[in-house]
C-alpha atoms as a PDB file:
ATOM      1  CA  MET A   1       4.459   7.721  12.222  1.00  0.00           C
ATOM      2  CA  HIS A   2       3.387   7.970   8.614  1.00  0.00           C
ATOM      3  CA  TYR A   3       3.410   4.968   6.295  1.00  0.00           C
ATOM      4  CA  ILE A   4       3.170   4.210   2.633  1.00  0.00           C
ATOM      5  CA  TYR A   5       2.284   0.656   1.769  1.00  0.00           C
ATOM      6  CA  ILE A   6       1.637  -1.751  -1.070  1.00  0.00           C
ATOM      7  CA  VAL A   7      -1.010  -4.430  -0.781  1.00  0.00           C
ATOM      8  CA  GLU A   8      -1.742  -7.275  -3.142  1.00  0.00           C
ATOM      9  CA  CYS A   9      -5.434  -7.704  -3.866  1.00  0.00           C
ATOM     10  CA  SER A  10      -7.151 -11.057  -4.340  1.00  0.00           C
ATOM     11  CA  ASP A  11      -7.116 -10.534  -8.129  1.00  0.00           C
ATOM     12  CA  GLY A  12      -3.318 -10.145  -8.054  1.00  0.00           C
ATOM     13  CA  SER A  13      -3.330  -6.395  -8.595  1.00  0.00           C
ATOM     14  CA  LEU A  14      -1.241  -4.061  -6.443  1.00  0.00           C
ATOM     15  CA  TYR A  15      -2.551  -1.027  -4.567  1.00  0.00           C
ATOM     16  CA  THR A  16      -0.335   1.676  -3.055  1.00  0.00           C
ATOM     17  CA  GLY A  17      -1.602   3.874  -0.225  1.00  0.00           C
ATOM     18  CA  TYR A  18      -0.809   6.118   2.727  1.00  0.00           C
ATOM     19  CA  THR A  19      -1.838   5.831   6.376  1.00  0.00           C
ATOM     20  CA  THR A  20      -0.839   6.682   9.925  1.00  0.00           C
ATOM     21  CA  ASP A  21      -2.029   3.295  11.247  1.00  0.00           C
ATOM     22  CA  LEU A  22      -1.216   0.184   9.196  1.00  0.00           C
ATOM     23  CA  ASP A  23      -3.243  -2.266  11.290  1.00  0.00           C
ATOM     24  CA  ARG A  24      -6.376  -0.124  11.114  1.00  0.00           C
ATOM     25  CA  ARG A  25      -5.945   0.478   7.393  1.00  0.00           C
ATOM     26  CA  MET A  26      -5.544  -3.221   6.592  1.00  0.00           C
ATOM     27  CA  LYS A  27      -8.719  -3.955   8.562  1.00  0.00           C
ATOM     28  CA  GLU A  28     -10.519  -1.234   6.610  1.00  0.00           C
ATOM     29  CA  HIS A  29      -9.374  -2.625   3.277  1.00  0.00           C
ATOM     30  CA  ASN A  30     -10.385  -6.162   4.225  1.00  0.00           C
ATOM     31  CA  SER A  31     -13.812  -5.101   5.493  1.00  0.00           C
ATOM     32  CA  ASN A  32     -14.510  -3.207   2.238  1.00  0.00           C
ATOM     33  CA  THR A  33     -14.436   0.202   3.949  1.00  0.00           C
ATOM     34  CA  GLY A  34     -10.984   1.123   2.665  1.00  0.00           C
ATOM     35  CA  ALA A  35     -10.131   2.538  -0.746  1.00  0.00           C
ATOM     36  CA  LYS A  36     -12.696   2.243  -3.515  1.00  0.00           C
ATOM     37  CA  TYR A  37     -10.147   0.327  -5.597  1.00  0.00           C
ATOM     38  CA  THR A  38      -9.732  -2.476  -3.054  1.00  0.00           C
ATOM     39  CA  ARG A  39     -13.459  -2.971  -2.452  1.00  0.00           C
ATOM     40  CA  GLY A  40     -14.454  -6.203  -4.114  1.00  0.00           C
ATOM     41  CA  ARG A  41     -10.811  -7.226  -4.399  1.00  0.00           C
ATOM     42  CA  THR A  42     -10.514  -8.555  -0.866  1.00  0.00           C
ATOM     43  CA  PRO A  43      -8.782 -10.016   0.902  1.00  0.00           C
ATOM     44  CA  VAL A  44      -5.722  -7.833   0.525  1.00  0.00           C
ATOM     45  CA  SER A  45      -2.290  -8.756   1.846  1.00  0.00           C
ATOM     46  CA  LEU A  46       0.302  -6.270   3.035  1.00  0.00           C
ATOM     47  CA  MET A  47       3.360  -6.797   0.847  1.00  0.00           C
ATOM     48  CA  TYR A  48       5.521  -3.755   1.593  1.00  0.00           C
ATOM     49  CA  TYR A  49       5.671  -0.608   3.698  1.00  0.00           C
ATOM     50  CA  GLU A  50       7.970   2.271   4.560  1.00  0.00           C
ATOM     51  CA  GLU A  51       7.896   4.535   7.647  1.00  0.00           C
ATOM     52  CA  PHE A  52       8.292   8.318   7.606  1.00  0.00           C
ATOM     53  CA  ASP A  53       8.531  10.973  10.279  1.00  0.00           C
ATOM     54  CA  ASN A  54       6.302  13.412   8.427  1.00  0.00           C
ATOM     55  CA  ARG A  55       3.322  13.342   6.101  1.00  0.00           C
ATOM     56  CA  SER A  56       4.989  15.347   3.360  1.00  0.00           C
ATOM     57  CA  ASP A  57       7.817  12.864   2.816  1.00  0.00           C
ATOM     58  CA  ALA A  58       5.399   9.940   2.907  1.00  0.00           C
ATOM     59  CA  MET A  59       3.089  11.518   0.345  1.00  0.00           C
ATOM     60  CA  LYS A  60       6.000  12.278  -1.992  1.00  0.00           C
ATOM     61  CA  ARG A  61       7.159   8.669  -1.768  1.00  0.00           C
ATOM     62  CA  GLU A  62       3.627   7.371  -2.343  1.00  0.00           C
ATOM     63  CA  CYS A  63       3.425   9.473  -5.507  1.00  0.00           C
ATOM     64  CA  ASP A  64       6.782   8.135  -6.709  1.00  0.00           C
ATOM     65  CA  ILE A  65       5.747   4.511  -6.108  1.00  0.00           C
ATOM     66  CA  LYS A  66       2.391   4.974  -7.834  1.00  0.00           C
ATOM     67  CA  LYS A  67       4.275   6.050 -10.977  1.00  0.00           C
ATOM     68  CA  LEU A  68       6.255   2.789 -11.061  1.00  0.00           C
ATOM     69  CA  LYS A  69       5.354  -0.027 -13.436  1.00  0.00           C
ATOM     70  CA  ARG A  70       4.282  -3.326 -11.872  1.00  0.00           C
ATOM     71  CA  LYS A  71       7.714  -4.930 -12.463  1.00  0.00           C
ATOM     72  CA  LYS A  72       9.454  -2.139 -10.542  1.00  0.00           C
ATOM     73  CA  LYS A  73       6.942  -2.459  -7.699  1.00  0.00           C
ATOM     74  CA  ALA A  74       7.591  -6.199  -7.583  1.00  0.00           C
ATOM     75  CA  LEU A  75      11.343  -5.553  -7.327  1.00  0.00           C
ATOM     76  CA  LEU A  76      10.711  -3.080  -4.524  1.00  0.00           C
ATOM     77  CA  ILE A  77       8.642  -5.670  -2.659  1.00  0.00           C
ATOM     78  CA  LYS A  78      11.329  -8.336  -3.148  1.00  0.00           C
ATOM     79  CA  SER A  79      14.019  -5.964  -1.883  1.00  0.00           C
ATOM     80  CA  LYS A  80      12.348  -5.839   1.544  1.00  0.00           C
ATOM     81  CA  ILE A  81      11.948  -9.601   1.998  1.00  0.00           C
END
């Protein structure tokens, strides 16, 4: 499976990413070996994710989400709760 996800960093900012293993990626982010952006902003909390059958669809969705303003991302997160 391929995943896109949104995490909330300790400073309240949101980070959107892609992975094939959510558990591993969350551990990487929280041990400061994940994305450069999340280093120093730990701990991060998984707020939202979507599953895809192929990388291409996941990457397109990640790009679309990264273009959203914070308010739209917050609505997306709330829609999955």
